[in-house]
């Protein structure tokens, strides 16, 4: 018997879940899902596993739709998505330090910014 917290932690789609369960059964193993109190060693447990998988896939799809709609709504309102850019004074400091021969990682640590931000400014 293998124990897992929840059906939505096991796979991204119903097909993944069913394949996983078939692989377990081929190895002579069953699955217990704590949150759903589901035991796949019984026919009722296997049926409930499939039903939970359908709802988990549906829930994931609904979340993705809401996130995409929210991003589109924010863009339509003119909001800038992502991190805000560093100001021109930080960019000037980055270029000055780099011209002095200071490495990108050291520049980032000195200015308290990420190395990728330094690289983005120095990109040709």
PDB file of N, CA and C in Angstrom:
ATOM      1  N   UNK A   1       0.857  -1.183   0.000  1.00  0.00           N
ATOM      2  CA  UNK A   1       0.000   0.000   0.000  1.00  0.00           C
ATOM      3  C   UNK A   1       0.895   1.236   0.000  1.00  0.00           C
ATOM      4  N   UNK A   2       0.589   2.162  -0.887  1.00  0.00           N
ATOM      5  CA  UNK A   2       1.274   3.448  -0.947  1.00  0.00           C
ATOM      6  C   UNK A   2       0.289   4.501  -0.478  1.00  0.00           C
ATOM      7  N   UNK A   3       0.764   5.419   0.355  1.00  0.00           N
ATOM      8  CA  UNK A   3      -0.092   6.492   0.864  1.00  0.00           C
ATOM      9  C   UNK A   3       0.317   7.815   0.230  1.00  0.00           C
ATOM     10  N   UNK A   4      -0.674   8.624  -0.102  1.00  0.00           N
ATOM     11  CA  UNK A   4      -0.444   9.971  -0.634  1.00  0.00           C
ATOM     12  C   UNK A   4      -1.433  10.912   0.035  1.00  0.00           C
ATOM     13  N   UNK A   5      -1.133  12.197  -0.009  1.00  0.00           N
ATOM     14  CA  UNK A   5      -2.000  13.169   0.664  1.00  0.00           C
ATOM     15  C   UNK A   5      -3.328  13.327  -0.072  1.00  0.00           C
ATOM     16  N   UNK A   6      -3.266  13.575  -1.399  1.00  0.00           N
ATOM     17  CA  UNK A   6      -4.486  13.868  -2.138  1.00  0.00           C
ATOM     18  C   UNK A   6      -4.321  13.466  -3.603  1.00  0.00           C
ATOM     19  N   UNK A   7      -5.429  13.257  -4.271  1.00  0.00           N
ATOM     20  CA  UNK A   7      -5.411  12.836  -5.673  1.00  0.00           C
ATOM     21  C   UNK A   7      -4.801  13.917  -6.562  1.00  0.00           C
ATOM     22  N   UNK A   8      -4.975  15.189  -6.224  1.00  0.00           N
ATOM     23  CA  UNK A   8      -4.452  16.250  -7.077  1.00  0.00           C
ATOM     24  C   UNK A   8      -2.943  16.393  -6.976  1.00  0.00           C
ATOM     25  N   UNK A   9      -2.297  15.692  -6.061  1.00  0.00           N
ATOM     26  CA  UNK A   9      -0.844  15.703  -5.929  1.00  0.00           C
ATOM     27  C   UNK A   9      -0.182  14.637  -6.798  1.00  0.00           C
ATOM     28  N   UNK A  10      -0.975  13.785  -7.416  1.00  0.00           N
ATOM     29  CA  UNK A  10      -0.420  12.622  -8.126  1.00  0.00           C
ATOM     30  C   UNK A  10      -0.237  12.815  -9.619  1.00  0.00           C
ATOM     31  N   UNK A  11      -1.011  13.665 -10.257  1.00  0.00           N
ATOM     32  CA  UNK A  11      -0.897  13.814 -11.698  1.00  0.00           C
ATOM     33  C   UNK A  11      -1.601  15.046 -12.197  1.00  0.00           C
ATOM     34  N   UNK A  12      -1.304  15.420 -13.428  1.00  0.00           N
ATOM     35  CA  UNK A  12      -1.859  16.639 -14.002  1.00  0.00           C
ATOM     36  C   UNK A  12      -3.157  16.402 -14.777  1.00  0.00           C
ATOM     37  N   UNK A  13      -3.408  15.160 -15.144  1.00  0.00           N
ATOM     38  CA  UNK A  13      -4.614  14.890 -15.916  1.00  0.00           C
ATOM     39  C   UNK A  13      -5.186  13.546 -15.486  1.00  0.00           C
ATOM     40  N   UNK A  14      -6.419  13.319 -15.881  1.00  0.00           N
ATOM     41  CA  UNK A  14      -7.062  12.051 -15.559  1.00  0.00           C
ATOM     42  C   UNK A  14      -6.287  10.894 -16.160  1.00  0.00           C
ATOM     43  N   UNK A  15      -5.774  11.085 -17.369  1.00  0.00           N
ATOM     44  CA  UNK A  15      -5.003  10.029 -18.025  1.00  0.00           C
ATOM     45  C   UNK A  15      -3.753   9.695 -17.201  1.00  0.00           C
ATOM     46  N   UNK A  16      -3.070  10.708 -16.669  1.00  0.00           N
ATOM     47  CA  UNK A  16      -1.904  10.472 -15.815  1.00  0.00           C
ATOM     48  C   UNK A  16      -2.286   9.659 -14.583  1.00  0.00           C
ATOM     49  N   UNK A  17      -3.407  10.028 -13.969  1.00  0.00           N
ATOM     50  CA  UNK A  17      -3.843   9.341 -12.748  1.00  0.00           C
ATOM     51  C   UNK A  17      -4.185   7.876 -13.015  1.00  0.00           C
ATOM     52  N   UNK A  18      -4.918   7.640 -14.096  1.00  0.00           N
ATOM     53  CA  UNK A  18      -5.318   6.271 -14.431  1.00  0.00           C
ATOM     54  C   UNK A  18      -4.089   5.431 -14.771  1.00  0.00           C
ATOM     55  N   UNK A  19      -3.158   6.006 -15.525  1.00  0.00           N
ATOM     56  CA  UNK A  19      -1.922   5.304 -15.858  1.00  0.00           C
ATOM     57  C   UNK A  19      -1.142   4.969 -14.598  1.00  0.00           C
ATOM     58  N   UNK A  20      -1.043   5.926 -13.688  1.00  0.00           N
ATOM     59  CA  UNK A  20      -0.339   5.718 -12.430  1.00  0.00           C
ATOM     60  C   UNK A  20      -0.982   4.580 -11.625  1.00  0.00           C
ATOM     61  N   UNK A  21      -2.301   4.600 -11.546  1.00  0.00           N
ATOM     62  CA  UNK A  21      -2.996   3.555 -10.798  1.00  0.00           C
ATOM     63  C   UNK A  21      -2.786   2.188 -11.445  1.00  0.00           C
ATOM     64  N   UNK A  22      -2.817   2.117 -12.780  1.00  0.00           N
ATOM     65  CA  UNK A  22      -2.580   0.847 -13.470  1.00  0.00           C
ATOM     66  C   UNK A  22      -1.157   0.340 -13.222  1.00  0.00           C
ATOM     67  N   UNK A  23      -0.193   1.250 -13.219  1.00  0.00           N
ATOM     68  CA  UNK A  23       1.195   0.853 -12.934  1.00  0.00           C
ATOM     69  C   UNK A  23       1.322   0.306 -11.519  1.00  0.00           C
ATOM     70  N   UNK A  24       0.645   0.949 -10.573  1.00  0.00           N
ATOM     71  CA  UNK A  24       0.681   0.454  -9.190  1.00  0.00           C
ATOM     72  C   UNK A  24       0.079  -0.942  -9.100  1.00  0.00           C
ATOM     73  N   UNK A  25      -1.075  -1.110  -9.730  1.00  0.00           N
ATOM     74  CA  UNK A  25      -1.742  -2.421  -9.674  1.00  0.00           C
ATOM     75  C   UNK A  25      -0.923  -3.494 -10.377  1.00  0.00           C
ATOM     76  N   UNK A  26      -0.195  -3.121 -11.447  1.00  0.00           N
ATOM     77  CA  UNK A  26       0.664  -4.085 -12.134  1.00  0.00           C
ATOM     78  C   UNK A  26       1.795  -4.560 -11.226  1.00  0.00           C
ATOM     79  N   UNK A  27       2.200  -3.691 -10.304  1.00  0.00           N
ATOM     80  CA  UNK A  27       3.236  -4.049  -9.335  1.00  0.00           C
ATOM     81  C   UNK A  27       2.663  -4.720  -8.087  1.00  0.00           C
ATOM     82  N   UNK A  28       1.340  -4.891  -8.072  1.00  0.00           N
ATOM     83  CA  UNK A  28       0.687  -5.518  -6.917  1.00  0.00           C
ATOM     84  C   UNK A  28       0.516  -4.565  -5.747  1.00  0.00           C
ATOM     85  N   UNK A  29       0.475  -3.261  -6.034  1.00  0.00           N
ATOM     86  CA  UNK A  29       0.335  -2.256  -4.982  1.00  0.00           C
ATOM     87  C   UNK A  29      -1.007  -1.559  -5.086  1.00  0.00           C
ATOM     88  N   UNK A  30      -1.479  -1.083  -3.953  1.00  0.00           N
ATOM     89  CA  UNK A  30      -2.694  -0.275  -3.915  1.00  0.00           C
ATOM     90  C   UNK A  30      -2.340   1.095  -3.375  1.00  0.00           C
ATOM     91  N   UNK A  31      -3.299   1.999  -3.449  1.00  0.00           N
ATOM     92  CA  UNK A  31      -3.070   3.393  -3.092  1.00  0.00           C
ATOM     93  C   UNK A  31      -4.078   3.825  -2.039  1.00  0.00           C
ATOM     94  N   UNK A  32      -3.606   4.570  -1.050  1.00  0.00           N
ATOM     95  CA  UNK A  32      -4.497   5.174  -0.059  1.00  0.00           C
ATOM     96  C   UNK A  32      -4.298   6.677  -0.123  1.00  0.00           C
ATOM     97  N   UNK A  33      -5.397   7.412  -0.294  1.00  0.00           N
ATOM     98  CA  UNK A  33      -5.352   8.871  -0.334  1.00  0.00           C
ATOM     99  C   UNK A  33      -5.929   9.420   0.957  1.00  0.00           C
ATOM    100  N   UNK A  34      -5.087  10.079   1.725  1.00  0.00           N
ATOM    101  CA  UNK A  34      -5.467  10.523   3.065  1.00  0.00           C
ATOM    102  C   UNK A  34      -6.614  11.532   3.047  1.00  0.00           C
ATOM    103  N   UNK A  35      -6.497  12.577   2.247  1.00  0.00           N
ATOM    104  CA  UNK A  35      -7.493  13.648   2.268  1.00  0.00           C
ATOM    105  C   UNK A  35      -8.876  13.155   1.844  1.00  0.00           C
ATOM    106  N   UNK A  36      -8.918  12.216   0.918  1.00  0.00           N
ATOM    107  CA  UNK A  36     -10.204  11.692   0.456  1.00  0.00           C
ATOM    108  C   UNK A  36     -10.601  10.411   1.188  1.00  0.00           C
ATOM    109  N   UNK A  37      -9.733   9.902   2.067  1.00  0.00           N
ATOM    110  CA  UNK A  37      -9.961   8.633   2.765  1.00  0.00           C
ATOM    111  C   UNK A  37     -10.341   7.550   1.758  1.00  0.00           C
ATOM    112  N   UNK A  38      -9.515   7.431   0.723  1.00  0.00           N
ATOM    113  CA  UNK A  38      -9.815   6.562  -0.407  1.00  0.00           C
ATOM    114  C   UNK A  38      -8.817   5.411  -0.457  1.00  0.00           C
ATOM    115  N   UNK A  39      -9.320   4.209  -0.579  1.00  0.00           N
ATOM    116  CA  UNK A  39      -8.479   3.016  -0.639  1.00  0.00           C
ATOM    117  C   UNK A  39      -8.771   2.300  -1.957  1.00  0.00           C
ATOM    118  N   UNK A  40      -7.773   2.219  -2.843  1.00  0.00           N
ATOM    119  CA  UNK A  40      -7.996   1.639  -4.172  1.00  0.00           C
ATOM    120  C   UNK A  40      -7.920   0.112  -4.182  1.00  0.00           C
ATOM    121  N   UNK A  41      -7.828  -0.487  -3.022  1.00  0.00           N
ATOM    122  CA  UNK A  41      -7.828  -1.956  -3.004  1.00  0.00           C
ATOM    123  C   UNK A  41      -9.249  -2.510  -3.152  1.00  0.00           C
ATOM    124  N   UNK A  42     -10.251  -1.636  -3.100  1.00  0.00           N
ATOM    125  CA  UNK A  42     -11.643  -2.056  -3.261  1.00  0.00           C
ATOM    126  C   UNK A  42     -12.201  -1.505  -4.575  1.00  0.00           C
ATOM    127  N   UNK A  43     -13.204  -2.164  -5.150  1.00  0.00           N
ATOM    128  CA  UNK A  43     -13.812  -1.634  -6.388  1.00  0.00           C
ATOM    129  C   UNK A  43     -14.400  -0.236  -6.181  1.00  0.00           C
ATOM    130  N   UNK A  44     -15.035  -0.003  -5.034  1.00  0.00           N
ATOM    131  CA  UNK A  44     -15.605   1.322  -4.760  1.00  0.00           C
ATOM    132  C   UNK A  44     -14.497   2.367  -4.654  1.00  0.00           C
ATOM    133  N   UNK A  45     -13.384   1.990  -4.072  1.00  0.00           N
ATOM    134  CA  UNK A  45     -12.247   2.906  -3.949  1.00  0.00           C
ATOM    135  C   UNK A  45     -11.670   3.272  -5.293  1.00  0.00           C
ATOM    136  N   UNK A  46     -11.562   2.282  -6.196  1.00  0.00           N
ATOM    137  CA  UNK A  46     -11.057   2.564  -7.541  1.00  0.00           C
ATOM    138  C   UNK A  46     -12.010   3.492  -8.292  1.00  0.00           C
ATOM    139  N   UNK A  47     -13.306   3.275  -8.156  1.00  0.00           N
ATOM    140  CA  UNK A  47     -14.295   4.133  -8.820  1.00  0.00           C
ATOM    141  C   UNK A  47     -14.215   5.565  -8.276  1.00  0.00           C
ATOM    142  N   UNK A  48     -14.117   5.700  -6.974  1.00  0.00           N
ATOM    143  CA  UNK A  48     -14.008   7.024  -6.371  1.00  0.00           C
ATOM    144  C   UNK A  48     -12.711   7.717  -6.785  1.00  0.00           C
ATOM    145  N   UNK A  49     -11.631   6.938  -6.934  1.00  0.00           N
ATOM    146  CA  UNK A  49     -10.358   7.492  -7.380  1.00  0.00           C
ATOM    147  C   UNK A  49     -10.532   8.147  -8.746  1.00  0.00           C
ATOM    148  N   UNK A  50     -11.200   7.454  -9.655  1.00  0.00           N
ATOM    149  CA  UNK A  50     -11.437   8.005 -10.996  1.00  0.00           C
ATOM    150  C   UNK A  50     -12.321   9.243 -10.947  1.00  0.00           C
ATOM    151  N   UNK A  51     -13.340   9.226 -10.110  1.00  0.00           N
ATOM    152  CA  UNK A  51     -14.228  10.379  -9.976  1.00  0.00           C
ATOM    153  C   UNK A  51     -13.456  11.573  -9.403  1.00  0.00           C
ATOM    154  N   UNK A  52     -12.657  11.325  -8.379  1.00  0.00           N
ATOM    155  CA  UNK A  52     -11.847  12.407  -7.797  1.00  0.00           C
ATOM    156  C   UNK A  52     -10.868  12.950  -8.822  1.00  0.00           C
ATOM    157  N   UNK A  53     -10.323  12.081  -9.652  1.00  0.00           N
ATOM    158  CA  UNK A  53      -9.401  12.521 -10.693  1.00  0.00           C
ATOM    159  C   UNK A  53     -10.067  13.446 -11.686  1.00  0.00           C
ATOM    160  N   UNK A  54     -11.311  13.139 -12.058  1.00  0.00           N
ATOM    161  CA  UNK A  54     -12.057  13.988 -12.984  1.00  0.00           C
ATOM    162  C   UNK A  54     -12.252  15.374 -12.363  1.00  0.00           C
ATOM    163  N   UNK A  55     -12.647  15.414 -11.090  1.00  0.00           N
ATOM    164  CA  UNK A  55     -12.882  16.705 -10.449  1.00  0.00           C
ATOM    165  C   UNK A  55     -11.584  17.471 -10.218  1.00  0.00           C
ATOM    166  N   UNK A  56     -10.500  16.777  -9.929  1.00  0.00           N
ATOM    167  CA  UNK A  56      -9.208  17.452  -9.754  1.00  0.00           C
ATOM    168  C   UNK A  56      -8.760  18.096 -11.069  1.00  0.00           C
ATOM    169  N   UNK A  57      -8.944  17.380 -12.175  1.00  0.00           N
ATOM    170  CA  UNK A  57      -8.592  17.921 -13.488  1.00  0.00           C
ATOM    171  C   UNK A  57      -9.469  19.132 -13.819  1.00  0.00           C
ATOM    172  N   UNK A  58     -10.761  19.041 -13.490  1.00  0.00           N
ATOM    173  CA  UNK A  58     -11.684  20.146 -13.725  1.00  0.00           C
ATOM    174  C   UNK A  58     -11.287  21.373 -12.894  1.00  0.00           C
ATOM    175  N   UNK A  59     -10.968  21.152 -11.635  1.00  0.00           N
ATOM    176  CA  UNK A  59     -10.574  22.249 -10.754  1.00  0.00           C
ATOM    177  C   UNK A  59      -9.304  22.934 -11.270  1.00  0.00           C
ATOM    178  N   UNK A  60      -8.333  22.158 -11.693  1.00  0.00           N
ATOM    179  CA  UNK A  60      -7.085  22.711 -12.221  1.00  0.00           C
ATOM    180  C   UNK A  60      -7.368  23.564 -13.464  1.00  0.00           C
ATOM    181  N   UNK A  61      -8.248  23.078 -14.337  1.00  0.00           N
ATOM    182  CA  UNK A  61      -8.588  23.827 -15.547  1.00  0.00           C
ATOM    183  C   UNK A  61      -9.297  25.139 -15.204  1.00  0.00           C
ATOM    184  N   UNK A  62     -10.165  25.114 -14.211  1.00  0.00           N
ATOM    185  CA  UNK A  62     -10.873  26.329 -13.787  1.00  0.00           C
ATOM    186  C   UNK A  62      -9.905  27.352 -13.210  1.00  0.00           C
ATOM    187  N   UNK A  63      -8.942  26.907 -12.431  1.00  0.00           N
ATOM    188  CA  UNK A  63      -7.940  27.814 -11.868  1.00  0.00           C
ATOM    189  C   UNK A  63      -7.133  28.455 -12.991  1.00  0.00           C
ATOM    190  N   UNK A  64      -6.714  27.651 -13.966  1.00  0.00           N
ATOM    191  CA  UNK A  64      -5.948  28.182 -15.094  1.00  0.00           C
ATOM    192  C   UNK A  64      -6.749  29.232 -15.862  1.00  0.00           C
ATOM    193  N   UNK A  65      -8.037  28.972 -16.069  1.00  0.00           N
ATOM    194  CA  UNK A  65      -8.891  29.930 -16.774  1.00  0.00           C
ATOM    195  C   UNK A  65      -8.996  31.238 -16.011  1.00  0.00           C
ATOM    196  N   UNK A  66      -9.182  31.157 -14.688  1.00  0.00           N
ATOM    197  CA  UNK A  66      -9.305  32.374 -13.880  1.00  0.00           C
ATOM    198  C   UNK A  66      -8.007  33.180 -13.888  1.00  0.00           C
ATOM    199  N   UNK A  67      -6.875  32.501 -13.819  1.00  0.00           N
ATOM    200  CA  UNK A  67      -5.590  33.207 -13.851  1.00  0.00           C
ATOM    201  C   UNK A  67      -5.415  33.912 -15.186  1.00  0.00           C
ATOM    202  N   UNK A  68      -5.681  33.212 -16.290  1.00  0.00           N
ATOM    203  CA  UNK A  68      -5.545  33.823 -17.611  1.00  0.00           C
ATOM    204  C   UNK A  68      -6.488  35.015 -17.770  1.00  0.00           C
ATOM    205  N   UNK A  69      -7.722  34.877 -17.290  1.00  0.00           N
ATOM    206  CA  UNK A  69      -8.689  35.976 -17.382  1.00  0.00           C
ATOM    207  C   UNK A  69      -8.216  37.174 -16.559  1.00  0.00           C
ATOM    208  N   UNK A  70      -7.669  36.915 -15.391  1.00  0.00           N
ATOM    209  CA  UNK A  70      -7.163  37.993 -14.547  1.00  0.00           C
ATOM    210  C   UNK A  70      -5.998  38.725 -15.187  1.00  0.00           C
ATOM    211  N   UNK A  71      -5.100  37.977 -15.822  1.00  0.00           N
ATOM    212  CA  UNK A  71      -3.969  38.601 -16.506  1.00  0.00           C
ATOM    213  C   UNK A  71      -4.436  39.447 -17.686  1.00  0.00           C
ATOM    214  N   UNK A  72      -5.381  38.932 -18.448  1.00  0.00           N
ATOM    215  CA  UNK A  72      -5.920  39.703 -19.579  1.00  0.00           C
ATOM    216  C   UNK A  72      -6.630  40.961 -19.099  1.00  0.00           C
ATOM    217  N   UNK A  73      -7.379  40.854 -17.999  1.00  0.00           N
ATOM    218  CA  UNK A  73      -8.079  42.010 -17.438  1.00  0.00           C
ATOM    219  C   UNK A  73      -7.074  43.071 -16.973  1.00  0.00           C
ATOM    220  N   UNK A  74      -5.993  42.632 -16.327  1.00  0.00           N
ATOM    221  CA  UNK A  74      -4.969  43.566 -15.861  1.00  0.00           C
ATOM    222  C   UNK A  74      -4.290  44.259 -17.046  1.00  0.00           C
ATOM    223  N   UNK A  75      -3.979  43.491 -18.090  1.00  0.00           N
ATOM    224  CA  UNK A  75      -3.355  44.088 -19.276  1.00  0.00           C
ATOM    225  C   UNK A  75      -4.292  45.098 -19.923  1.00  0.00           C
ATOM    226  N   UNK A  76      -5.593  44.757 -19.987  1.00  0.00           N
ATOM    227  CA  UNK A  76      -6.571  45.653 -20.599  1.00  0.00           C
ATOM    228  C   UNK A  76      -6.678  46.964 -19.825  1.00  0.00           C
ATOM    229  N   UNK A  77      -6.450  46.926 -18.519  1.00  0.00           N
ATOM    230  CA  UNK A  77      -6.487  48.142 -17.694  1.00  0.00           C
ATOM    231  C   UNK A  77      -5.171  48.901 -17.756  1.00  0.00           C
ATOM    232  N   UNK A  78      -4.206  48.352 -18.515  1.00  0.00           N
ATOM    233  CA  UNK A  78      -2.932  49.037 -18.684  1.00  0.00           C
ATOM    234  C   UNK A  78      -1.918  48.769 -17.591  1.00  0.00           C
ATOM    235  N   UNK A  79      -2.178  47.785 -16.756  1.00  0.00           N
ATOM    236  CA  UNK A  79      -1.222  47.477 -15.697  1.00  0.00           C
ATOM    237  C   UNK A  79      -0.028  46.750 -16.292  1.00  0.00           C
ATOM    238  N   UNK A  80       1.139  47.079 -15.768  1.00  0.00           N
ATOM    239  CA  UNK A  80       2.357  46.413 -16.202  1.00  0.00           C
ATOM    240  C   UNK A  80       2.520  45.154 -15.369  1.00  0.00           C
ATOM    241  N   UNK A  81       2.707  44.030 -16.044  1.00  0.00           N
ATOM    242  CA  UNK A  81       2.854  42.759 -15.347  1.00  0.00           C
ATOM    243  C   UNK A  81       4.331  42.451 -15.131  1.00  0.00           C
ATOM    244  N   UNK A  82       4.628  41.759 -14.076  1.00  0.00           N
ATOM    245  CA  UNK A  82       6.008  41.392 -13.781  1.00  0.00           C
ATOM    246  C   UNK A  82       6.651  42.395 -12.836  1.00  0.00           C
ATOM    247  N   UNK A  83       7.917  42.182 -12.612  1.00  0.00           N
ATOM    248  CA  UNK A  83       8.658  43.070 -11.717  1.00  0.00           C
ATOM    249  C   UNK A  83       8.867  44.428 -12.370  1.00  0.00           C
ATOM    250  N   UNK A  84       8.902  45.455 -11.542  1.00  0.00           N
ATOM    251  CA  UNK A  84       9.164  46.784 -12.080  1.00  0.00           C
ATOM    252  C   UNK A  84      10.654  46.909 -12.403  1.00  0.00           C
ATOM    253  N   UNK A  85      10.978  47.623 -13.469  1.00  0.00           N
ATOM    254  CA  UNK A  85      12.386  47.758 -13.854  1.00  0.00           C
ATOM    255  C   UNK A  85      13.135  48.631 -12.852  1.00  0.00           C
ATOM    256  N   UNK A  86      14.432  48.427 -12.795  1.00  0.00           N
ATOM    257  CA  UNK A  86      15.257  49.260 -11.941  1.00  0.00           C
ATOM    258  C   UNK A  86      15.409  50.617 -12.611  1.00  0.00           C
ATOM    259  N   UNK A  87      15.538  51.648 -11.822  1.00  0.00           N
ATOM    260  CA  UNK A  87      15.629  53.000 -12.358  1.00  0.00           C
ATOM    261  C   UNK A  87      16.933  53.251 -13.098  1.00  0.00           C
ATOM    262  N   UNK A  88      17.004  54.389 -13.783  1.00  0.00           N
ATOM    263  CA  UNK A  88      18.196  54.718 -14.554  1.00  0.00           C
ATOM    264  C   UNK A  88      19.445  54.874 -13.681  1.00  0.00           C
ATOM    265  N   UNK A  89      19.256  55.275 -12.421  1.00  0.00           N
ATOM    266  CA  UNK A  89      20.425  55.429 -11.543  1.00  0.00           C
ATOM    267  C   UNK A  89      21.051  54.078 -11.220  1.00  0.00           C
ATOM    268  N   UNK A  90      20.236  53.056 -11.022  1.00  0.00           N
ATOM    269  CA  UNK A  90      20.754  51.706 -10.761  1.00  0.00           C
ATOM    270  C   UNK A  90      21.444  51.173 -12.015  1.00  0.00           C
ATOM    271  N   UNK A  91      20.830  51.394 -13.182  1.00  0.00           N
ATOM    272  CA  UNK A  91      21.434  50.946 -14.438  1.00  0.00           C
ATOM    273  C   UNK A  91      22.783  51.610 -14.666  1.00  0.00           C
ATOM    274  N   UNK A  92      22.880  52.885 -14.330  1.00  0.00           N
ATOM    275  CA  UNK A  92      24.148  53.605 -14.492  1.00  0.00           C
ATOM    276  C   UNK A  92      25.212  53.021 -13.561  1.00  0.00           C
ATOM    277  N   UNK A  93      24.817  52.694 -12.329  1.00  0.00           N
ATOM    278  CA  UNK A  93      25.764  52.102 -11.377  1.00  0.00           C
ATOM    279  C   UNK A  93      26.239  50.732 -11.870  1.00  0.00           C
ATOM    280  N   UNK A  94      25.308  49.957 -12.410  1.00  0.00           N
ATOM    281  CA  UNK A  94      25.670  48.634 -12.936  1.00  0.00           C
ATOM    282  C   UNK A  94      26.733  48.782 -14.017  1.00  0.00           C
ATOM    283  N   UNK A  95      26.495  49.674 -14.968  1.00  0.00           N
ATOM    284  CA  UNK A  95      27.429  49.874 -16.080  1.00  0.00           C
ATOM    285  C   UNK A  95      28.770  50.406 -15.586  1.00  0.00           C
ATOM    286  N   UNK A  96      28.732  51.292 -14.583  1.00  0.00           N
ATOM    287  CA  UNK A  96      29.969  51.858 -14.030  1.00  0.00           C
ATOM    288  C   UNK A  96      30.797  50.767 -13.344  1.00  0.00           C
ATOM    289  N   UNK A  97      30.145  49.964 -12.506  1.00  0.00           N
ATOM    290  CA  UNK A  97      30.857  48.883 -11.803  1.00  0.00           C
ATOM    291  C   UNK A  97      31.431  47.871 -12.795  1.00  0.00           C
ATOM    292  N   UNK A  98      30.637  47.561 -13.832  1.00  0.00           N
ATOM    293  CA  UNK A  98      31.082  46.569 -14.811  1.00  0.00           C
ATOM    294  C   UNK A  98      32.295  47.098 -15.596  1.00  0.00           C
ATOM    295  N   UNK A  99      32.268  48.388 -15.898  1.00  0.00           N
ATOM    296  CA  UNK A  99      33.392  48.999 -16.617  1.00  0.00           C
ATOM    297  C   UNK A  99      34.665  48.962 -15.772  1.00  0.00           C
ATOM    298  N   UNK A 100      34.505  48.969 -14.445  1.00  0.00           N
ATOM    299  CA  UNK A 100      35.657  48.888 -13.537  1.00  0.00           C
ATOM    300  C   UNK A 100      36.189  47.461 -13.410  1.00  0.00           C
ATOM    301  N   UNK A 101      35.471  46.505 -14.010  1.00  0.00           N
ATOM    302  CA  UNK A 101      35.928  45.122 -13.967  1.00  0.00           C
ATOM    303  C   UNK A 101      35.311  44.295 -12.853  1.00  0.00           C
ATOM    304  N   UNK A 102      34.301  44.828 -12.201  1.00  0.00           N
ATOM    305  CA  UNK A 102      33.615  44.084 -11.138  1.00  0.00           C
ATOM    306  C   UNK A 102      32.667  43.082 -11.796  1.00  0.00           C
ATOM    307  N   UNK A 103      32.633  41.872 -11.253  1.00  0.00           N
ATOM    308  CA  UNK A 103      31.805  40.816 -11.826  1.00  0.00           C
ATOM    309  C   UNK A 103      30.315  41.037 -11.600  1.00  0.00           C
ATOM    310  N   UNK A 104      29.515  40.351 -12.403  1.00  0.00           N
ATOM    311  CA  UNK A 104      28.056  40.511 -12.361  1.00  0.00           C
ATOM    312  C   UNK A 104      27.463  40.092 -11.019  1.00  0.00           C
ATOM    313  N   UNK A 105      27.959  39.005 -10.458  1.00  0.00           N
ATOM    314  CA  UNK A 105      27.426  38.535  -9.173  1.00  0.00           C
ATOM    315  C   UNK A 105      27.741  39.547  -8.080  1.00  0.00           C
ATOM    316  N   UNK A 106      28.962  40.046  -8.065  1.00  0.00           N
ATOM    317  CA  UNK A 106      29.394  41.036  -7.072  1.00  0.00           C
ATOM    318  C   UNK A 106      28.584  42.332  -7.210  1.00  0.00           C
ATOM    319  N   UNK A 107      28.333  42.745  -8.452  1.00  0.00           N
ATOM    320  CA  UNK A 107      27.529  43.952  -8.688  1.00  0.00           C
ATOM    321  C   UNK A 107      26.131  43.767  -8.101  1.00  0.00           C
ATOM    322  N   UNK A 108      25.532  42.617  -8.381  1.00  0.00           N
ATOM    323  CA  UNK A 108      24.193  42.347  -7.860  1.00  0.00           C
ATOM    324  C   UNK A 108      24.159  42.387  -6.344  1.00  0.00           C
ATOM    325  N   UNK A 109      25.141  41.766  -5.703  1.00  0.00           N
ATOM    326  CA  UNK A 109      25.187  41.751  -4.233  1.00  0.00           C
ATOM    327  C   UNK A 109      25.415  43.151  -3.680  1.00  0.00           C
ATOM    328  N   UNK A 110      26.279  43.913  -4.329  1.00  0.00           N
ATOM    329  CA  UNK A 110      26.574  45.277  -3.876  1.00  0.00           C
ATOM    330  C   UNK A 110      25.329  46.160  -3.944  1.00  0.00           C
ATOM    331  N   UNK A 111      24.577  46.024  -5.028  1.00  0.00           N
ATOM    332  CA  UNK A 111      23.401  46.877  -5.220  1.00  0.00           C
ATOM    333  C   UNK A 111      22.123  46.279  -4.625  1.00  0.00           C
ATOM    334  N   UNK A 112      22.208  45.043  -4.166  1.00  0.00           N
ATOM    335  CA  UNK A 112      21.030  44.403  -3.584  1.00  0.00           C
ATOM    336  C   UNK A 112      19.996  43.999  -4.617  1.00  0.00           C
ATOM    337  N   UNK A 113      20.464  43.627  -5.785  1.00  0.00           N
ATOM    338  CA  UNK A 113      19.556  43.179  -6.854  1.00  0.00           C
ATOM    339  C   UNK A 113      20.033  41.822  -7.356  1.00  0.00           C
ATOM    340  N   UNK A 114      19.207  41.158  -8.132  1.00  0.00           N
ATOM    341  CA  UNK A 114      19.535  39.843  -8.647  1.00  0.00           C
ATOM    342  C   UNK A 114      20.540  39.898  -9.783  1.00  0.00           C
ATOM    343  N   UNK A 115      21.273  38.812  -9.927  1.00  0.00           N
ATOM    344  CA  UNK A 115      22.265  38.713 -11.001  1.00  0.00           C
ATOM    345  C   UNK A 115      21.592  38.813 -12.370  1.00  0.00           C
ATOM    346  N   UNK A 116      20.398  38.256 -12.496  1.00  0.00           N
ATOM    347  CA  UNK A 116      19.699  38.328 -13.790  1.00  0.00           C
ATOM    348  C   UNK A 116      19.354  39.769 -14.145  1.00  0.00           C
ATOM    349  N   UNK A 117      19.084  40.609 -13.156  1.00  0.00           N
ATOM    350  CA  UNK A 117      18.823  42.022 -13.431  1.00  0.00           C
ATOM    351  C   UNK A 117      20.083  42.698 -13.965  1.00  0.00           C
ATOM    352  N   UNK A 118      21.223  42.363 -13.377  1.00  0.00           N
ATOM    353  CA  UNK A 118      22.498  42.905 -13.858  1.00  0.00           C
ATOM    354  C   UNK A 118      22.738  42.451 -15.295  1.00  0.00           C
ATOM    355  N   UNK A 119      22.525  41.188 -15.569  1.00  0.00           N
ATOM    356  CA  UNK A 119      22.727  40.653 -16.916  1.00  0.00           C
ATOM    357  C   UNK A 119      21.803  41.326 -17.927  1.00  0.00           C
ATOM    358  N   UNK A 120      20.565  41.580 -17.524  1.00  0.00           N
ATOM    359  CA  UNK A 120      19.607  42.209 -18.421  1.00  0.00           C
ATOM    360  C   UNK A 120      20.068  43.621 -18.816  1.00  0.00           C
ATOM    361  N   UNK A 121      20.617  44.371 -17.854  1.00  0.00           N
ATOM    362  CA  UNK A 121      21.103  45.718 -18.141  1.00  0.00           C
ATOM    363  C   UNK A 121      22.326  45.670 -19.050  1.00  0.00           C
ATOM    364  N   UNK A 122      23.192  44.688 -18.841  1.00  0.00           N
ATOM    365  CA  UNK A 122      24.444  44.607 -19.601  1.00  0.00           C
ATOM    366  C   UNK A 122      24.293  43.896 -20.939  1.00  0.00           C
ATOM    367  N   UNK A 123      23.117  43.357 -21.200  1.00  0.00           N
ATOM    368  CA  UNK A 123      22.886  42.642 -22.468  1.00  0.00           C
ATOM    369  C   UNK A 123      23.085  43.600 -23.637  1.00  0.00           C
ATOM    370  N   UNK A 124      23.853  43.169 -24.672  1.00  0.00           N
ATOM    371  CA  UNK A 124      24.137  44.060 -25.819  1.00  0.00           C
ATOM    372  C   UNK A 124      22.914  44.363 -26.646  1.00  0.00           C
TER     373      UNK A 124
END
